[in-house]
Amino acid sequence: MTERKVRDAIGSLDGKLGDLRREHAWRGIERAISTPAPAAAPALLGWRVPALVTAACAVTAVLVYWLTAVPRHETPSGSPTELVAAADHQAVFDRNGVVLTLIGPGTASVTERRDGIHVRVERGIVIADRTAGAPSVVFSAGTSTTTTRDPRFAVRVEPGMVVFGAGHEARTIVERHVITAAPPPTERTIDPPAPAPVPRSTPASPAAKPAPERIQESPSGPPELPVVQSSAADLYARAEAALRVRDPEQARTLFQRILDEHGADLLVDAARYDLALLALERDDRPAARHYAELIIASGRDPNLIVAATKLRDRIAKPTR
């Protein structure tokens, strides 16, 4: 095989190697071909040309394999995007069907990678809303990391606390802990009165015999047990526990008991607001509007009145 044929064979390679890498390979082959051979006896020239051609082909094969078959480390798709939101403000990241809303005060960083959108939350609340075909969202907060493809997901980060939630729990994080940031008022307790002293019976005379005990059945059946009424704070705590285990029916029953049994308690406004949210979740917009308007008309908690007004405005908007 002559030098011209080697050049023609190498020059026929396609352009998949890239201009710079093809040029480096070509120069290496040219150097291998153009290196002058030392003077030798004519009897040795017969094997030098095949050896040179074989070396050139081996170099070409190694370069092609290195440029096409050896995997490369992937570089990051982009630099992190920093989100910063002051108190009562928001920062929004909207890309590729994913909308991230940071509610301040808080900071977070967002990085787009091949396996999804990575979100590192340092402080505050981040709500993720995804469309059906959007990439996954990987949340990192503290020492915890979770990947989600839920339509709505939220994470709340405060000193010493990280809370993740999807679906109903995400809405609870947003509605209850953001809009109504003030904690529910504590119920004032009244110390029970001291029990009345029980008079001591006079011991019977030793000569007297005790009368036989008689069991007399009541004509009206078994005696009625006293009704134990739970406080509004206890009912509210049990309702929140039901929400955490995804039992909205039990939570709705307990919130309604607060309205029926403790109508003058300060927790009535919070129970009405939660009932409005539960009604909106099952798409009962008239019931949700009813509870919101009750809070606006007769509520005593200013934060809940503001939250109920926003909720009523959101219910009034037509659904898509």
Protein backbone atom coordinates (compact mmCIF):
# COMPACT_ATOMS: atom_id res chain seq x y z
CA MET A 1 0.00 0.00 0.00
CA THR A 2 1.57 3.29 -1.16
CA GLU A 3 1.74 6.56 0.74
CA ARG A 4 -0.85 8.11 -1.61
CA LYS A 5 -3.32 5.30 -0.90
CA VAL A 6 -2.84 5.77 2.85
CA ARG A 7 -3.56 9.48 2.53
CA ASP A 8 -6.65 8.78 0.39
CA ALA A 9 -7.97 6.23 2.91
CA ILE A 10 -7.45 8.55 5.86
CA GLY A 11 -8.90 11.51 3.99
CA SER A 12 -12.09 9.57 3.24
CA LEU A 13 -13.05 9.51 6.95
CA ASP A 14 -16.30 11.38 7.69
CA GLY A 15 -16.45 14.58 9.73
CA LYS A 16 -17.96 13.11 12.89
CA LEU A 17 -14.68 13.54 14.78
CA GLY A 18 -14.86 17.32 14.80
CA ASP A 19 -12.57 19.69 12.92
CA LEU A 20 -10.01 20.16 15.70
CA ARG A 21 -9.71 16.49 16.60
CA ARG A 22 -9.59 15.40 12.92
CA GLU A 23 -6.80 17.92 12.29
CA HIS A 24 -4.79 16.56 15.26
CA ALA A 25 -5.26 13.00 14.01
CA TRP A 26 -4.26 13.92 10.48
CA ARG A 27 -1.10 15.70 11.64
CA GLY A 28 -0.12 12.68 13.72
CA ILE A 29 -0.53 10.41 10.70
CA GLU A 30 1.42 12.81 8.49
CA ARG A 31 4.29 12.81 10.95
CA ALA A 32 4.23 9.03 11.09
CA ILE A 33 4.27 8.78 7.27
CA SER A 34 6.73 11.61 6.60
CA THR A 35 9.39 10.56 9.12
CA PRO A 36 12.51 9.89 7.05
CA ALA A 37 13.79 6.38 7.38
CA PRO A 38 17.51 5.88 8.08
CA ALA A 39 19.65 4.56 5.31
CA ALA A 40 19.54 0.81 5.18
CA ALA A 41 20.47 -2.00 2.94
CA PRO A 42 18.13 -2.56 -0.04
CA ALA A 43 17.20 -5.94 1.33
CA LEU A 44 15.42 -4.32 4.29
CA LEU A 45 13.17 -1.94 2.29
CA GLY A 46 10.67 -4.63 1.52
CA TRP A 47 9.24 -4.81 5.06
CA ARG A 48 9.48 -1.12 6.05
CA VAL A 49 6.59 0.08 3.91
CA PRO A 50 4.06 -2.50 5.20
CA ALA A 51 5.19 -1.80 8.77
CA LEU A 52 4.71 1.96 8.26
CA VAL A 53 1.24 1.45 6.82
CA THR A 54 0.32 -0.87 9.70
CA ALA A 55 1.50 1.70 12.27
CA ALA A 56 -0.51 4.47 10.56
CA CYS A 57 -3.67 2.34 10.54
CA ALA A 58 -3.17 1.46 14.22
CA VAL A 59 -2.80 5.14 15.16
CA THR A 60 -5.95 5.97 13.18
CA ALA A 61 -7.93 3.18 14.83
CA VAL A 62 -6.87 4.30 18.31
CA LEU A 63 -7.81 7.91 17.60
CA VAL A 64 -11.21 6.96 16.15
CA TYR A 65 -11.97 4.73 19.14
CA TRP A 66 -10.87 7.40 21.64
CA LEU A 67 -12.92 10.13 19.97
CA THR A 68 -16.10 8.11 19.46
CA ALA A 69 -16.29 5.25 21.99
CA VAL A 70 -14.75 6.59 25.20
CA PRO A 71 -17.49 8.25 27.34
CA ARG A 72 -17.03 11.82 28.45
CA HIS A 73 -18.02 13.42 31.74
CA GLU A 74 -21.15 15.50 31.30
CA THR A 75 -20.84 19.14 32.13
CA PRO A 76 -23.57 20.86 34.13
CA SER A 77 -26.43 22.19 32.03
CA GLY A 78 -26.29 25.61 33.68
CA SER A 79 -25.18 27.62 36.63
CA PRO A 80 -27.43 27.85 39.72
CA THR A 81 -30.15 30.49 39.80
CA GLU A 82 -30.38 32.18 43.19
CA LEU A 83 -33.82 33.00 44.60
CA VAL A 84 -34.07 35.53 47.43
CA ALA A 85 -37.31 36.84 48.92
CA ALA A 86 -37.75 39.28 51.79
CA ALA A 87 -40.56 39.02 54.32
CA ASP A 88 -44.03 39.29 52.71
CA HIS A 89 -42.44 39.02 49.24
CA GLN A 90 -42.07 36.26 46.66
CA ALA A 91 -39.48 35.15 44.09
CA VAL A 92 -40.60 33.05 41.09
CA PHE A 93 -38.69 30.64 38.81
CA ASP A 94 -40.69 29.56 35.72
CA ARG A 95 -39.11 27.22 33.17
CA ASN A 96 -39.92 24.00 31.24
CA GLY A 97 -43.35 23.58 32.80
CA VAL A 98 -42.12 24.00 36.40
CA VAL A 99 -43.04 27.08 38.44
CA LEU A 100 -41.15 27.50 41.72
CA THR A 101 -42.40 30.15 44.14
CA LEU A 102 -40.23 31.15 47.10
CA ILE A 103 -42.17 32.86 49.89
CA GLY A 104 -40.02 35.04 52.07
CA PRO A 105 -38.19 35.51 54.16
CA GLY A 106 -36.14 32.84 52.45
CA THR A 107 -33.33 31.87 50.07
CA ALA A 108 -32.99 29.00 47.60
CA SER A 109 -30.91 28.00 44.56
CA VAL A 110 -32.17 26.28 41.40
CA THR A 111 -30.01 24.26 38.99
CA GLU A 112 -31.23 22.65 35.76
CA ARG A 113 -29.66 19.26 35.09
CA ARG A 114 -30.31 16.32 32.80
CA ASP A 115 -32.09 14.34 35.54
CA GLY A 116 -34.41 17.22 36.53
CA ILE A 117 -34.50 20.57 38.30
CA HIS A 118 -32.53 20.60 41.56
CA VAL A 119 -33.71 22.99 44.27
CA ARG A 120 -31.68 23.68 47.40
CA VAL A 121 -33.78 25.46 50.04
CA GLU A 122 -31.88 27.24 52.80
CA ARG A 123 -34.83 29.02 54.41
CA GLY A 124 -38.45 29.85 53.74
CA ILE A 125 -41.18 28.03 51.80
CA VAL A 126 -40.91 26.86 48.19
CA ILE A 127 -43.98 25.71 46.25
CA ALA A 128 -43.47 23.70 43.04
CA ASP A 129 -46.26 23.54 40.45
CA ARG A 130 -45.60 21.07 37.58
CA THR A 131 -47.38 20.40 34.31
CA ALA A 132 -47.89 16.83 33.13
CA GLY A 133 -44.76 16.61 30.96
CA ALA A 134 -42.43 18.72 33.10
CA PRO A 135 -39.14 17.31 34.44
CA SER A 136 -38.75 15.96 37.95
CA VAL A 137 -37.96 18.33 40.82
CA VAL A 138 -35.28 17.29 43.33
CA PHE A 139 -35.62 19.14 46.65
CA SER A 140 -32.74 19.35 49.14
CA ALA A 141 -33.18 20.91 52.56
CA GLY A 142 -30.91 20.37 55.53
CA THR A 143 -29.76 16.74 55.31
CA SER A 144 -32.90 15.57 53.48
CA THR A 145 -33.39 15.09 49.73
CA THR A 146 -36.54 14.00 47.89
CA THR A 147 -37.55 13.73 44.23
CA THR A 148 -41.12 14.54 43.19
CA ARG A 149 -43.27 14.46 40.07
CA ASP A 150 -46.42 15.61 41.86
CA PRO A 151 -48.47 18.45 40.33
CA ARG A 152 -47.93 20.45 43.52
CA PHE A 153 -45.22 20.00 46.13
CA ALA A 154 -44.06 22.27 48.94
CA VAL A 155 -41.17 22.38 51.39
CA ARG A 156 -40.92 24.54 54.48
CA VAL A 157 -37.52 25.18 56.06
CA GLU A 158 -37.05 26.91 59.37
CA PRO A 159 -34.27 26.68 61.97
CA GLY A 160 -34.40 23.12 63.28
CA MET A 161 -37.33 22.05 61.07
CA VAL A 162 -37.80 20.72 57.51
CA VAL A 163 -41.31 19.79 56.29
CA PHE A 164 -42.03 18.20 52.90
CA GLY A 165 -45.58 17.83 51.59
CA ALA A 166 -47.42 16.86 48.40
CA GLY A 167 -51.05 17.31 47.42
CA HIS A 168 -53.20 18.13 50.45
CA GLU A 169 -50.15 18.48 52.72
CA ALA A 170 -48.58 20.95 50.29
CA ARG A 171 -51.74 23.05 50.33
CA THR A 172 -51.81 22.90 54.11
CA ILE A 173 -48.24 24.22 54.26
CA VAL A 174 -49.12 27.07 51.91
CA GLU A 175 -52.55 28.08 53.20
CA ARG A 176 -52.30 27.55 56.96
CA HIS A 177 -48.62 28.28 57.66
CA VAL A 178 -48.05 31.12 55.19
CA ILE A 179 -51.23 33.15 54.96
CA THR A 180 -52.14 32.60 58.59
CA ALA A 181 -48.66 32.88 59.97
CA ALA A 182 -49.87 33.80 63.44
CA PRO A 183 -50.33 30.73 65.66
CA PRO A 184 -53.88 29.87 66.70
CA PRO A 185 -54.90 31.60 69.91
CA THR A 186 -54.58 29.53 73.02
CA GLU A 187 -57.77 28.72 74.82
CA ARG A 188 -58.11 30.17 78.29
CA THR A 189 -58.61 27.45 80.82
CA ILE A 190 -60.48 27.82 84.10
CA ASP A 191 -59.33 25.83 87.07
CA PRO A 192 -62.04 23.39 88.17
CA PRO A 193 -63.60 24.07 91.58
CA ALA A 194 -62.28 22.12 94.54
CA PRO A 195 -64.34 19.02 95.28
CA ALA A 196 -66.79 19.32 98.17
CA PRO A 197 -65.73 17.48 101.32
CA VAL A 198 -67.33 14.08 101.72
CA PRO A 199 -68.81 13.57 105.23
CA ARG A 200 -67.43 10.58 107.03
CA SER A 201 -69.93 7.97 108.06
CA THR A 202 -70.13 6.94 111.72
CA PRO A 203 -68.77 3.43 112.18
CA ALA A 204 -71.44 0.88 113.02
CA SER A 205 -71.68 -0.65 116.44
CA PRO A 206 -69.77 -3.95 116.77
CA ALA A 207 -72.95 -5.69 117.89
CA ALA A 208 -74.89 -4.59 114.83
CA LYS A 209 -74.91 -6.99 111.87
CA PRO A 210 -74.45 -5.54 108.41
CA ALA A 211 -77.56 -5.60 106.31
CA PRO A 212 -77.40 -7.85 103.25
CA GLU A 213 -76.59 -5.99 100.04
CA ARG A 214 -79.48 -5.83 97.63
CA ILE A 215 -79.04 -5.29 93.93
CA GLN A 216 -82.08 -3.54 92.58
CA GLU A 217 -82.44 -3.19 88.85
CA SER A 218 -83.51 0.13 87.52
CA PRO A 219 -86.78 -0.06 85.67
CA SER A 220 -85.44 2.27 82.95
CA GLY A 221 -82.39 0.17 82.02
CA PRO A 222 -78.67 0.72 82.69
CA PRO A 223 -77.57 4.02 84.22
CA GLU A 224 -76.51 6.74 81.85
CA LEU A 225 -72.85 7.63 81.77
CA PRO A 226 -71.85 11.30 81.91
CA VAL A 227 -71.09 12.87 78.53
CA VAL A 228 -67.42 13.89 78.22
CA GLN A 229 -67.16 17.02 76.10
CA SER A 230 -63.83 17.67 74.39
CA SER A 231 -62.42 21.17 74.37
CA ALA A 232 -62.07 23.14 71.14
CA ALA A 233 -58.28 22.90 71.33
CA ASP A 234 -58.46 19.11 71.67
CA LEU A 235 -60.83 18.78 68.72
CA TYR A 236 -58.62 21.02 66.58
CA ALA A 237 -55.50 18.99 67.44
CA ARG A 238 -57.31 15.76 66.55
CA ALA A 239 -58.47 17.28 63.24
CA GLU A 240 -54.90 18.28 62.36
CA ALA A 241 -53.76 14.73 63.15
CA ALA A 242 -56.43 13.40 60.78
CA LEU A 243 -55.14 15.69 58.03
CA ARG A 244 -51.61 14.40 58.52
CA VAL A 245 -52.77 10.83 57.90
CA ARG A 246 -54.85 11.92 54.86
CA ASP A 247 -58.29 11.44 56.43
CA PRO A 248 -60.23 14.54 55.33
CA GLU A 249 -63.63 13.11 56.33
CA GLN A 250 -62.59 12.68 59.97
CA ALA A 251 -60.99 16.13 59.97
CA ARG A 252 -64.16 17.69 58.56
CA THR A 253 -66.25 16.01 61.28
CA LEU A 254 -63.97 17.32 64.04
CA PHE A 255 -63.89 20.86 62.62
CA GLN A 256 -67.70 20.83 62.43
CA ARG A 257 -67.88 19.73 66.08
CA ILE A 258 -65.95 22.86 67.03
CA LEU A 259 -68.63 24.97 65.34
CA ASP A 260 -71.48 23.00 66.93
CA GLU A 261 -70.10 22.56 70.46
CA HIS A 262 -67.88 25.64 70.92
CA GLY A 263 -69.53 28.39 68.90
CA ALA A 264 -68.01 31.18 71.03
CA ASP A 265 -64.44 29.84 71.02
CA LEU A 266 -61.62 31.70 69.27
CA LEU A 267 -60.78 28.57 67.25
CA VAL A 268 -64.07 28.80 65.36
CA ASP A 269 -62.50 31.06 62.71
CA ALA A 270 -59.64 28.60 62.11
CA ALA A 271 -62.10 25.68 61.91
CA ARG A 272 -64.23 27.55 59.36
CA TYR A 273 -61.18 28.33 57.26
CA ASP A 274 -60.09 24.68 57.27
CA LEU A 275 -63.61 23.60 56.34
CA ALA A 276 -63.48 26.04 53.42
CA LEU A 277 -60.20 24.53 52.23
CA LEU A 278 -61.57 21.00 52.53
CA ALA A 279 -64.69 21.99 50.57
CA LEU A 280 -62.54 23.56 47.85
CA GLU A 281 -60.45 20.40 47.65
CA ARG A 282 -63.53 18.30 46.85
CA ASP A 283 -64.64 21.01 44.34
CA ASP A 284 -67.59 22.19 46.47
CA ARG A 285 -67.10 25.87 45.70
CA PRO A 286 -70.44 27.08 47.18
CA ALA A 287 -69.61 25.53 50.57
CA ALA A 288 -66.09 26.95 50.48
CA ARG A 289 -67.47 30.43 49.69
CA HIS A 290 -70.02 30.09 52.53
CA TYR A 291 -67.35 29.41 55.18
CA ALA A 292 -65.09 32.17 53.81
CA GLU A 293 -67.92 34.73 53.96
CA LEU A 294 -68.75 33.71 57.54
CA ILE A 295 -65.16 34.50 58.57
CA ILE A 296 -65.23 37.83 56.72
CA ALA A 297 -68.57 38.82 58.29
CA SER A 298 -68.03 37.74 61.91
CA GLY A 299 -64.40 36.66 62.29
CA ARG A 300 -62.29 37.85 65.21
CA ASP A 301 -58.84 36.94 63.91
CA PRO A 302 -57.53 39.66 61.53
CA ASN A 303 -55.10 37.26 59.84
CA LEU A 304 -57.86 34.78 59.07
CA ILE A 305 -60.13 37.55 57.78
CA VAL A 306 -57.42 38.54 55.29
CA ALA A 307 -56.85 34.90 54.33
CA ALA A 308 -60.59 34.30 53.89
CA THR A 309 -60.88 37.38 51.65
CA LYS A 310 -58.10 36.08 49.40
CA LEU A 311 -59.70 32.65 49.37
CA ARG A 312 -63.10 34.12 48.36
CA ASP A 313 -61.45 36.05 45.52
CA ARG A 314 -59.74 32.87 44.33
CA ILE A 315 -63.03 30.95 44.41
CA ALA A 316 -64.71 33.69 42.38
CA LYS A 317 -62.23 33.25 39.51
CA PRO A 318 -63.52 30.92 36.76
CA THR A 319 -61.81 27.54 36.59
CA ARG A 320 -59.89 26.62 33.48
